[in-house]
Amino acid sequence: MTVVDSHQHFWSLSDPWFDWPTPDLAPIYRDIGPADLKAELEAAGVSRSILVQVAPDVAETQHLLDIADAHEFIAGVVGWVDLETQAAIADLERFAARDKFVGIRPMIQAIPDADWMLRPALAPALAAVQRLGLTFDALVRPHHLQALRAFVDRYPDLPVVIDHGAKPAIAAGREGFAAWADLIAAVAERPQVRCKLSGLLTEAGRRASAEDLAPFIDHLLEIFGAERLMWGSDWPVVELAAPYATWIELARGHLARLSRSEQSAVFGDVASRFYRL
């Protein structure tokens, strides 16, 4: 089984675009680079990764592509482009000329307007995303899911993946599940949507046991199926809750009841197909 980590990050505190993580997030407030990740991948038996933007800055995306070109285990880069500017299409075309540029991720969770993704001004750039064969990572929370459902209906040919299961409030237990489950199930009805099994531990707080996470993982499996779910570490952010190895072993243990082909799908095949690796 070829394992692909569908979601990881790098940053340096000295980067000109750097503004997160902040010093209060001490476990991850340090320079994070390829050598750090490679050790984690090798220990966990992970072959390749998808490097995802952190800063809303095209300079960071350019930098990430340069890093990816220098490291074979980085299979693709999900970058950032300002979709509302006249420069958006030119930026997309410039990045798409790079072999490892696979898609874009707007910072939707940080935008005050929950309906931002429905603004007509985004349409020309999103048409270019589709024309160039790129993907769209939806960094959303549960309160964005109603707009996301309308978004994927508006752009049915745009491949969309929901990051971190839409960040359900796992720490809130049953209340968090109830506020999320039906909304994400409605989005999952759209066949072009995938979902990342990632980021859950950092939403769990003290409810981070396998038993606490089980209802959320099982719901994602039920509504997306193994054929539309991809595992990701969200490293190094996951270190706010647990080491890389803890999260992948928890996921492997929970999914061990699936068939070998279903496990292969979640741990690599879905990501490889979605990002056209």
C-alpha atoms as a PDB file:
ATOM      1  CA  MET A   1       0.000   0.000   0.000  1.00  0.00           C
ATOM      2  CA  THR A   2       1.380   3.403  -1.018  1.00  0.00           C
ATOM      3  CA  VAL A   3       0.451   5.864   1.720  1.00  0.00           C
ATOM      4  CA  VAL A   4      -0.033   9.536   0.836  1.00  0.00           C
ATOM      5  CA  ASP A   5      -0.330  12.245   3.463  1.00  0.00           C
ATOM      6  CA  SER A   6      -2.891  14.530   1.833  1.00  0.00           C
ATOM      7  CA  HIS A   7      -2.277  17.554   4.067  1.00  0.00           C
ATOM      8  CA  GLN A   8       0.878  18.995   5.634  1.00  0.00           C
ATOM      9  CA  HIS A   9       2.573  22.385   6.026  1.00  0.00           C
ATOM     10  CA  PHE A  10       5.964  24.092   6.215  1.00  0.00           C
ATOM     11  CA  TRP A  11       6.873  27.535   7.512  1.00  0.00           C
ATOM     12  CA  SER A  12       9.745  29.635   8.764  1.00  0.00           C
ATOM     13  CA  LEU A  13       9.402  32.350  11.376  1.00  0.00           C
ATOM     14  CA  SER A  14      11.597  34.575   9.213  1.00  0.00           C
ATOM     15  CA  ASP A  15       9.446  34.333   6.073  1.00  0.00           C
ATOM     16  CA  PRO A  16       8.204  37.806   5.052  1.00  0.00           C
ATOM     17  CA  TRP A  17       4.629  36.519   4.778  1.00  0.00           C
ATOM     18  CA  PHE A  18       4.701  34.688   8.115  1.00  0.00           C
ATOM     19  CA  ASP A  19       1.999  35.595  10.650  1.00  0.00           C
ATOM     20  CA  TRP A  20       0.866  32.182  11.932  1.00  0.00           C
ATOM     21  CA  PRO A  21       1.337  30.215  14.122  1.00  0.00           C
ATOM     22  CA  THR A  22       1.528  32.771  16.884  1.00  0.00           C
ATOM     23  CA  PRO A  23       3.872  32.515  19.898  1.00  0.00           C
ATOM     24  CA  ASP A  24       1.086  31.233  22.158  1.00  0.00           C
ATOM     25  CA  LEU A  25       1.077  28.016  20.081  1.00  0.00           C
ATOM     26  CA  ALA A  26       4.429  27.045  21.520  1.00  0.00           C
ATOM     27  CA  PRO A  27       4.618  23.412  20.280  1.00  0.00           C
ATOM     28  CA  ILE A  28       4.573  24.548  16.646  1.00  0.00           C
ATOM     29  CA  TYR A  29       6.097  28.036  16.932  1.00  0.00           C
ATOM     30  CA  ARG A  30       9.368  27.102  15.261  1.00  0.00           C
ATOM     31  CA  ASP A  31      10.820  26.654  11.784  1.00  0.00           C
ATOM     32  CA  ILE A  32       9.270  23.608  10.091  1.00  0.00           C
ATOM     33  CA  GLY A  33      10.860  22.158   6.965  1.00  0.00           C
ATOM     34  CA  PRO A  34      11.261  19.101   4.737  1.00  0.00           C
ATOM     35  CA  ALA A  35      13.886  17.379   6.862  1.00  0.00           C
ATOM     36  CA  ASP A  36      11.543  17.463   9.865  1.00  0.00           C
ATOM     37  CA  LEU A  37       8.689  15.929   7.901  1.00  0.00           C
ATOM     38  CA  LYS A  38      10.782  13.320   6.120  1.00  0.00           C
ATOM     39  CA  ALA A  39      11.717  11.747   9.444  1.00  0.00           C
ATOM     40  CA  GLU A  40       8.026  11.541  10.402  1.00  0.00           C
ATOM     41  CA  LEU A  41       7.045  10.036   7.044  1.00  0.00           C
ATOM     42  CA  GLU A  42       9.730   7.381   7.132  1.00  0.00           C
ATOM     43  CA  ALA A  43       8.837   6.361  10.686  1.00  0.00           C
ATOM     44  CA  ALA A  44       5.143   6.102   9.786  1.00  0.00           C
ATOM     45  CA  GLY A  45       5.588   4.336   6.448  1.00  0.00           C
ATOM     46  CA  VAL A  46       4.250   7.256   4.414  1.00  0.00           C
ATOM     47  CA  SER A  47       5.632   7.629   0.891  1.00  0.00           C
ATOM     48  CA  ARG A  48       4.460  11.042  -0.333  1.00  0.00           C
ATOM     49  CA  SER A  49       2.754  14.188   0.865  1.00  0.00           C
ATOM     50  CA  ILE A  50       0.685  17.144  -0.305  1.00  0.00           C
ATOM     51  CA  LEU A  51       2.149  20.466   0.830  1.00  0.00           C
ATOM     52  CA  VAL A  52      -0.587  22.994   1.624  1.00  0.00           C
ATOM     53  CA  GLN A  53      -0.339  26.769   1.900  1.00  0.00           C
ATOM     54  CA  VAL A  54      -0.622  28.596   5.214  1.00  0.00           C
ATOM     55  CA  ALA A  55      -0.306  32.265   4.231  1.00  0.00           C
ATOM     56  CA  PRO A  56      -2.641  34.168   1.869  1.00  0.00           C
ATOM     57  CA  ASP A  57       0.301  35.273  -0.261  1.00  0.00           C
ATOM     58  CA  VAL A  58       1.351  34.190  -3.751  1.00  0.00           C
ATOM     59  CA  ALA A  59       4.995  34.581  -2.685  1.00  0.00           C
ATOM     60  CA  GLU A  60       4.524  31.743  -0.209  1.00  0.00           C
ATOM     61  CA  THR A  61       3.028  29.550  -2.935  1.00  0.00           C
ATOM     62  CA  GLN A  62       6.026  30.229  -5.171  1.00  0.00           C
ATOM     63  CA  HIS A  63       8.325  29.332  -2.282  1.00  0.00           C
ATOM     64  CA  LEU A  64       6.467  26.087  -1.569  1.00  0.00           C
ATOM     65  CA  LEU A  65       6.731  25.062  -5.214  1.00  0.00           C
ATOM     66  CA  ASP A  66      10.483  25.632  -5.084  1.00  0.00           C
ATOM     67  CA  ILE A  67      10.706  23.442  -1.972  1.00  0.00           C
ATOM     68  CA  ALA A  68       8.609  20.737  -3.640  1.00  0.00           C
ATOM     69  CA  ASP A  69      10.837  20.697  -6.696  1.00  0.00           C
ATOM     70  CA  ALA A  70      13.805  19.976  -4.454  1.00  0.00           C
ATOM     71  CA  HIS A  71      12.186  17.067  -2.585  1.00  0.00           C
ATOM     72  CA  GLU A  72      10.801  14.046  -4.367  1.00  0.00           C
ATOM     73  CA  PHE A  73       8.542  12.958  -1.502  1.00  0.00           C
ATOM     74  CA  ILE A  74       6.476  16.147  -1.864  1.00  0.00           C
ATOM     75  CA  ALA A  75       4.067  15.066  -4.580  1.00  0.00           C
ATOM     76  CA  GLY A  76       2.010  18.232  -4.931  1.00  0.00           C
ATOM     77  CA  VAL A  77       1.424  21.772  -3.696  1.00  0.00           C
ATOM     78  CA  VAL A  78      -1.925  23.342  -2.883  1.00  0.00           C
ATOM     79  CA  GLY A  79      -1.337  27.075  -3.045  1.00  0.00           C
ATOM     80  CA  TRP A  80      -3.112  30.393  -2.663  1.00  0.00           C
ATOM     81  CA  VAL A  81      -4.302  32.908  -5.236  1.00  0.00           C
ATOM     82  CA  ASP A  82      -6.436  35.996  -4.628  1.00  0.00           C
ATOM     83  CA  LEU A  83      -9.473  34.912  -6.622  1.00  0.00           C
ATOM     84  CA  GLU A  84     -11.046  38.369  -6.609  1.00  0.00           C
ATOM     85  CA  THR A  85      -8.219  40.243  -8.331  1.00  0.00           C
ATOM     86  CA  GLN A  86      -7.498  40.789 -12.000  1.00  0.00           C
ATOM     87  CA  ALA A  87      -4.151  39.051 -11.480  1.00  0.00           C
ATOM     88  CA  ALA A  88      -5.802  35.804 -10.393  1.00  0.00           C
ATOM     89  CA  ILE A  89      -5.938  34.116 -13.793  1.00  0.00           C
ATOM     90  CA  ALA A  90      -2.356  35.049 -14.638  1.00  0.00           C
ATOM     91  CA  ASP A  91      -1.202  33.731 -11.257  1.00  0.00           C
ATOM     92  CA  LEU A  92      -3.095  30.483 -11.764  1.00  0.00           C
ATOM     93  CA  GLU A  93      -1.626  30.002 -15.233  1.00  0.00           C
ATOM     94  CA  ARG A  94       1.882  30.768 -13.962  1.00  0.00           C
ATOM     95  CA  PHE A  95       1.611  28.267 -11.133  1.00  0.00           C
ATOM     96  CA  ALA A  96      -0.113  25.633 -13.282  1.00  0.00           C
ATOM     97  CA  ALA A  97       2.971  25.575 -15.491  1.00  0.00           C
ATOM     98  CA  ARG A  98       4.817  24.028 -12.536  1.00  0.00           C
ATOM     99  CA  ASP A  99       4.581  20.242 -12.435  1.00  0.00           C
ATOM    100  CA  LYS A 100       3.695  19.979  -8.750  1.00  0.00           C
ATOM    101  CA  PHE A 101       1.031  22.676  -8.533  1.00  0.00           C
ATOM    102  CA  VAL A 102      -2.209  20.762  -7.998  1.00  0.00           C
ATOM    103  CA  GLY A 103      -4.762  23.197  -6.623  1.00  0.00           C
ATOM    104  CA  ILE A 104      -5.735  26.215  -4.576  1.00  0.00           C
ATOM    105  CA  ARG A 105      -6.939  26.853  -1.048  1.00  0.00           C
ATOM    106  CA  PRO A 106      -8.623  30.141  -0.177  1.00  0.00           C
ATOM    107  CA  MET A 107      -8.514  30.902   3.548  1.00  0.00           C
ATOM    108  CA  ILE A 108     -12.294  30.651   3.862  1.00  0.00           C
ATOM    109  CA  GLN A 109     -12.330  30.006   7.611  1.00  0.00           C
ATOM    110  CA  ALA A 110     -10.650  33.390   8.184  1.00  0.00           C
ATOM    111  CA  ILE A 111     -13.062  35.390   5.977  1.00  0.00           C
ATOM    112  CA  PRO A 112     -15.857  37.036   8.020  1.00  0.00           C
ATOM    113  CA  ASP A 113     -18.452  36.620   5.264  1.00  0.00           C
ATOM    114  CA  ALA A 114     -19.642  33.002   5.435  1.00  0.00           C
ATOM    115  CA  ASP A 115     -21.057  33.381   1.906  1.00  0.00           C
ATOM    116  CA  TRP A 116     -17.802  34.724   0.425  1.00  0.00           C
ATOM    117  CA  MET A 117     -17.379  31.714  -1.831  1.00  0.00           C
ATOM    118  CA  LEU A 118     -20.638  32.617  -3.587  1.00  0.00           C
ATOM    119  CA  ARG A 119     -19.513  36.080  -4.698  1.00  0.00           C
ATOM    120  CA  PRO A 120     -19.890  36.513  -8.479  1.00  0.00           C
ATOM    121  CA  ALA A 121     -16.448  38.151  -8.635  1.00  0.00           C
ATOM    122  CA  LEU A 122     -14.835  34.736  -8.097  1.00  0.00           C
ATOM    123  CA  ALA A 123     -16.387  33.184 -11.210  1.00  0.00           C
ATOM    124  CA  PRO A 124     -13.686  34.082 -13.794  1.00  0.00           C
ATOM    125  CA  ALA A 125     -10.847  32.745 -11.639  1.00  0.00           C
ATOM    126  CA  LEU A 126     -12.788  29.599 -10.749  1.00  0.00           C
ATOM    127  CA  ALA A 127     -13.429  28.989 -14.431  1.00  0.00           C
ATOM    128  CA  ALA A 128      -9.654  29.141 -14.915  1.00  0.00           C
ATOM    129  CA  VAL A 129      -9.127  26.682 -12.043  1.00  0.00           C
ATOM    130  CA  GLN A 130     -11.380  24.219 -13.848  1.00  0.00           C
ATOM    131  CA  ARG A 131      -9.836  24.878 -17.266  1.00  0.00           C
ATOM    132  CA  LEU A 132      -6.351  24.254 -15.893  1.00  0.00           C
ATOM    133  CA  GLY A 133      -7.346  20.961 -14.276  1.00  0.00           C
ATOM    134  CA  LEU A 134      -6.772  22.210 -10.729  1.00  0.00           C
ATOM    135  CA  THR A 135      -8.560  21.415  -7.480  1.00  0.00           C
ATOM    136  CA  PHE A 136     -10.190  23.420  -4.680  1.00  0.00           C
ATOM    137  CA  ASP A 137      -9.473  22.777  -0.987  1.00  0.00           C
ATOM    138  CA  ALA A 138     -12.398  24.066   1.084  1.00  0.00           C
ATOM    139  CA  LEU A 139     -11.028  25.219   4.445  1.00  0.00           C
ATOM    140  CA  VAL A 140     -14.380  25.578   6.183  1.00  0.00           C
ATOM    141  CA  ARG A 141     -16.157  25.159   9.490  1.00  0.00           C
ATOM    142  CA  PRO A 142     -19.674  23.819  10.041  1.00  0.00           C
ATOM    143  CA  HIS A 143     -21.279  27.256   9.654  1.00  0.00           C
ATOM    144  CA  HIS A 144     -19.888  27.444   6.102  1.00  0.00           C
ATOM    145  CA  LEU A 145     -21.389  24.160   4.939  1.00  0.00           C
ATOM    146  CA  GLN A 146     -24.717  25.537   3.738  1.00  0.00           C
ATOM    147  CA  ALA A 147     -22.883  28.007   1.483  1.00  0.00           C
ATOM    148  CA  LEU A 148     -20.470  25.262   0.406  1.00  0.00           C
ATOM    149  CA  ARG A 149     -23.400  23.134  -0.752  1.00  0.00           C
ATOM    150  CA  ALA A 150     -24.600  26.027  -2.924  1.00  0.00           C
ATOM    151  CA  PHE A 151     -21.013  26.571  -4.123  1.00  0.00           C
ATOM    152  CA  VAL A 152     -20.506  23.013  -5.355  1.00  0.00           C
ATOM    153  CA  ASP A 153     -23.899  23.125  -7.069  1.00  0.00           C
ATOM    154  CA  ARG A 154     -22.864  26.330  -8.828  1.00  0.00           C
ATOM    155  CA  TYR A 155     -19.547  24.797  -9.966  1.00  0.00           C
ATOM    156  CA  PRO A 156     -20.371  21.107 -10.559  1.00  0.00           C
ATOM    157  CA  ASP A 157     -17.215  20.481 -12.609  1.00  0.00           C
ATOM    158  CA  LEU A 158     -14.861  21.830  -9.926  1.00  0.00           C
ATOM    159  CA  PRO A 159     -13.156  19.075  -7.883  1.00  0.00           C
ATOM    160  CA  VAL A 160     -13.603  20.062  -4.217  1.00  0.00           C
ATOM    161  CA  VAL A 161     -12.155  18.519  -1.074  1.00  0.00           C
ATOM    162  CA  ILE A 162     -13.294  19.554   2.404  1.00  0.00           C
ATOM    163  CA  ASP A 163     -10.321  20.050   4.700  1.00  0.00           C
ATOM    164  CA  HIS A 164     -10.367  18.480   8.167  1.00  0.00           C
ATOM    165  CA  GLY A 165     -13.918  17.186   7.917  1.00  0.00           C
ATOM    166  CA  ALA A 166     -15.093  20.820   8.138  1.00  0.00           C
ATOM    167  CA  LYS A 167     -13.662  21.040  11.668  1.00  0.00           C
ATOM    168  CA  PRO A 168     -16.558  19.704  13.739  1.00  0.00           C
ATOM    169  CA  ALA A 169     -16.649  20.793  17.382  1.00  0.00           C
ATOM    170  CA  ILE A 170     -15.567  17.398  18.693  1.00  0.00           C
ATOM    171  CA  ALA A 171     -14.729  18.924  22.059  1.00  0.00           C
ATOM    172  CA  ALA A 172     -18.437  19.692  22.488  1.00  0.00           C
ATOM    173  CA  GLY A 173     -19.371  16.024  22.202  1.00  0.00           C
ATOM    174  CA  ARG A 174     -22.944  15.276  21.113  1.00  0.00           C
ATOM    175  CA  GLU A 175     -23.751  18.951  20.603  1.00  0.00           C
ATOM    176  CA  GLY A 176     -20.801  19.332  18.255  1.00  0.00           C
ATOM    177  CA  PHE A 177     -21.846  16.261  16.318  1.00  0.00           C
ATOM    178  CA  ALA A 178     -25.449  17.439  15.977  1.00  0.00           C
ATOM    179  CA  ALA A 179     -24.394  20.875  14.717  1.00  0.00           C
ATOM    180  CA  TRP A 180     -22.277  19.319  11.968  1.00  0.00           C
ATOM    181  CA  ALA A 181     -23.554  15.922  10.886  1.00  0.00           C
ATOM    182  CA  ASP A 182     -26.562  16.825   8.725  1.00  0.00           C
ATOM    183  CA  LEU A 183     -24.847  19.820   7.132  1.00  0.00           C
ATOM    184  CA  ILE A 184     -21.812  17.884   5.932  1.00  0.00           C
ATOM    185  CA  ALA A 185     -24.012  14.967   4.838  1.00  0.00           C
ATOM    186  CA  ALA A 186     -25.877  17.329   2.511  1.00  0.00           C
ATOM    187  CA  VAL A 187     -22.605  18.428   0.903  1.00  0.00           C
ATOM    188  CA  ALA A 188     -21.468  14.804   0.606  1.00  0.00           C
ATOM    189  CA  GLU A 189     -24.455  14.115  -1.647  1.00  0.00           C
ATOM    190  CA  ARG A 190     -22.570  15.982  -4.386  1.00  0.00           C
ATOM    191  CA  PRO A 191     -20.358  13.424  -6.155  1.00  0.00           C
ATOM    192  CA  GLN A 192     -17.523  15.824  -7.018  1.00  0.00           C
ATOM    193  CA  VAL A 193     -16.810  16.473  -3.322  1.00  0.00           C
ATOM    194  CA  ARG A 194     -14.105  14.633  -1.380  1.00  0.00           C
ATOM    195  CA  CYS A 195     -13.173  15.011   2.284  1.00  0.00           C
ATOM    196  CA  LYS A 196      -9.955  14.873   4.274  1.00  0.00           C
ATOM    197  CA  LEU A 197      -9.775  12.683   7.346  1.00  0.00           C
ATOM    198  CA  SER A 198      -7.461  15.150   9.032  1.00  0.00           C
ATOM    199  CA  GLY A 199      -7.380  17.857  11.666  1.00  0.00           C
ATOM    200  CA  LEU A 200      -9.778  16.065  13.996  1.00  0.00           C
ATOM    201  CA  LEU A 201      -7.476  15.705  16.976  1.00  0.00           C
ATOM    202  CA  THR A 202      -6.941  19.450  17.207  1.00  0.00           C
ATOM    203  CA  GLU A 203     -10.704  19.972  17.367  1.00  0.00           C
ATOM    204  CA  ALA A 204     -11.150  17.327  20.056  1.00  0.00           C
ATOM    205  CA  GLY A 205      -9.662  18.980  23.127  1.00  0.00           C
ATOM    206  CA  ARG A 206     -10.005  16.546  26.010  1.00  0.00           C
ATOM    207  CA  ARG A 207     -12.309  14.329  23.933  1.00  0.00           C
ATOM    208  CA  ALA A 208      -9.414  12.916  21.904  1.00  0.00           C
ATOM    209  CA  SER A 209      -9.728   9.217  22.623  1.00  0.00           C
ATOM    210  CA  ALA A 210     -10.523   6.710  19.898  1.00  0.00           C
ATOM    211  CA  GLU A 211     -14.004   6.383  21.400  1.00  0.00           C
ATOM    212  CA  ASP A 212     -14.598  10.135  21.272  1.00  0.00           C
ATOM    213  CA  LEU A 213     -13.473  10.395  17.659  1.00  0.00           C
ATOM    214  CA  ALA A 214     -15.297   7.277  16.470  1.00  0.00           C
ATOM    215  CA  PRO A 215     -18.736   8.868  15.794  1.00  0.00           C
ATOM    216  CA  PHE A 216     -17.155  11.592  13.680  1.00  0.00           C
ATOM    217  CA  ILE A 217     -14.907   9.260  11.678  1.00  0.00           C
ATOM    218  CA  ASP A 218     -17.734   6.774  11.199  1.00  0.00           C
ATOM    219  CA  HIS A 219     -20.060   9.515   9.956  1.00  0.00           C
ATOM    220  CA  LEU A 220     -17.505  10.652   7.388  1.00  0.00           C
ATOM    221  CA  LEU A 221     -17.074   7.050   6.245  1.00  0.00           C
ATOM    222  CA  GLU A 222     -20.827   6.596   5.973  1.00  0.00           C
ATOM    223  CA  ILE A 223     -21.535   9.722   3.924  1.00  0.00           C
ATOM    224  CA  PHE A 224     -18.436   9.817   1.708  1.00  0.00           C
ATOM    225  CA  GLY A 225     -17.448   6.175   1.601  1.00  0.00           C
ATOM    226  CA  ALA A 226     -13.833   5.070   1.474  1.00  0.00           C
ATOM    227  CA  GLU A 227     -13.732   6.026  -2.226  1.00  0.00           C
ATOM    228  CA  ARG A 228     -14.088   9.755  -1.414  1.00  0.00           C
ATOM    229  CA  LEU A 229     -12.165  10.053   1.855  1.00  0.00           C
ATOM    230  CA  MET A 230      -8.430  10.782   2.107  1.00  0.00           C
ATOM    231  CA  TRP A 231      -6.247  10.609   5.201  1.00  0.00           C
ATOM    232  CA  GLY A 232      -4.047  13.561   6.084  1.00  0.00           C
ATOM    233  CA  SER A 233      -1.859  14.430   9.049  1.00  0.00           C
ATOM    234  CA  ASP A 234      -2.291  18.226   9.174  1.00  0.00           C
ATOM    235  CA  TRP A 235       1.306  18.128  10.422  1.00  0.00           C
ATOM    236  CA  PRO A 236       2.748  20.006  12.220  1.00  0.00           C
ATOM    237  CA  VAL A 237      -0.550  21.499  13.464  1.00  0.00           C
ATOM    238  CA  VAL A 238      -1.473  18.034  14.758  1.00  0.00           C
ATOM    239  CA  GLU A 239       1.367  18.409  17.265  1.00  0.00           C
ATOM    240  CA  LEU A 240      -0.867  20.769  19.235  1.00  0.00           C
ATOM    241  CA  ALA A 241      -2.763  17.611  20.200  1.00  0.00           C
ATOM    242  CA  ALA A 242      -0.513  14.608  19.562  1.00  0.00           C
ATOM    243  CA  PRO A 243       2.532  13.419  17.593  1.00  0.00           C
ATOM    244  CA  TYR A 244       2.284  12.452  13.921  1.00  0.00           C
ATOM    245  CA  ALA A 245       2.610   8.768  14.810  1.00  0.00           C
ATOM    246  CA  THR A 246      -0.276   8.896  17.296  1.00  0.00           C
ATOM    247  CA  TRP A 247      -2.736  10.250  14.731  1.00  0.00           C
ATOM    248  CA  ILE A 248      -1.834   7.859  11.918  1.00  0.00           C
ATOM    249  CA  GLU A 249      -1.945   4.863  14.251  1.00  0.00           C
ATOM    250  CA  LEU A 250      -5.323   5.950  15.607  1.00  0.00           C
ATOM    251  CA  ALA A 251      -6.656   6.272  12.047  1.00  0.00           C
ATOM    252  CA  ARG A 252      -5.159   2.940  11.003  1.00  0.00           C
ATOM    253  CA  GLY A 253      -6.633   1.228  14.013  1.00  0.00           C
ATOM    254  CA  HIS A 254     -10.095   2.648  13.436  1.00  0.00           C
ATOM    255  CA  LEU A 255     -10.087   1.771   9.740  1.00  0.00           C
ATOM    256  CA  ALA A 256      -8.594  -1.707  10.187  1.00  0.00           C
ATOM    257  CA  ARG A 257     -12.058  -3.231   9.799  1.00  0.00           C
ATOM    258  CA  LEU A 258     -12.267  -1.974   6.204  1.00  0.00           C
ATOM    259  CA  SER A 259     -11.198  -4.143   3.296  1.00  0.00           C
ATOM    260  CA  ARG A 260      -7.642  -3.792   2.040  1.00  0.00           C
ATOM    261  CA  SER A 261      -8.843  -1.938  -1.061  1.00  0.00           C
ATOM    262  CA  GLU A 262     -10.863   0.478   1.081  1.00  0.00           C
ATOM    263  CA  GLN A 263      -7.877   1.145   3.335  1.00  0.00           C
ATOM    264  CA  SER A 264      -5.718   1.725   0.267  1.00  0.00           C
ATOM    265  CA  ALA A 265      -8.279   4.228  -0.967  1.00  0.00           C
ATOM    266  CA  VAL A 266      -8.325   6.285   2.247  1.00  0.00           C
ATOM    267  CA  PHE A 267      -4.584   6.140   2.824  1.00  0.00           C
ATOM    268  CA  GLY A 268      -3.442   6.986  -0.681  1.00  0.00           C
ATOM    269  CA  ASP A 269      -5.525   6.174  -3.743  1.00  0.00           C
ATOM    270  CA  VAL A 270      -8.165   8.875  -3.270  1.00  0.00           C
ATOM    271  CA  ALA A 271      -5.552  11.594  -2.790  1.00  0.00           C
ATOM    272  CA  SER A 272      -3.533  10.342  -5.755  1.00  0.00           C
ATOM    273  CA  ARG A 273      -6.558  10.436  -8.045  1.00  0.00           C
ATOM    274  CA  PHE A 274      -7.958  13.723  -6.759  1.00  0.00           C
ATOM    275  CA  TYR A 275      -4.683  15.617  -7.069  1.00  0.00           C
ATOM    276  CA  ARG A 276      -3.660  13.745 -10.245  1.00  0.00           C
ATOM    277  CA  LEU A 277      -0.336  12.730  -8.747  1.00  0.00           C
END
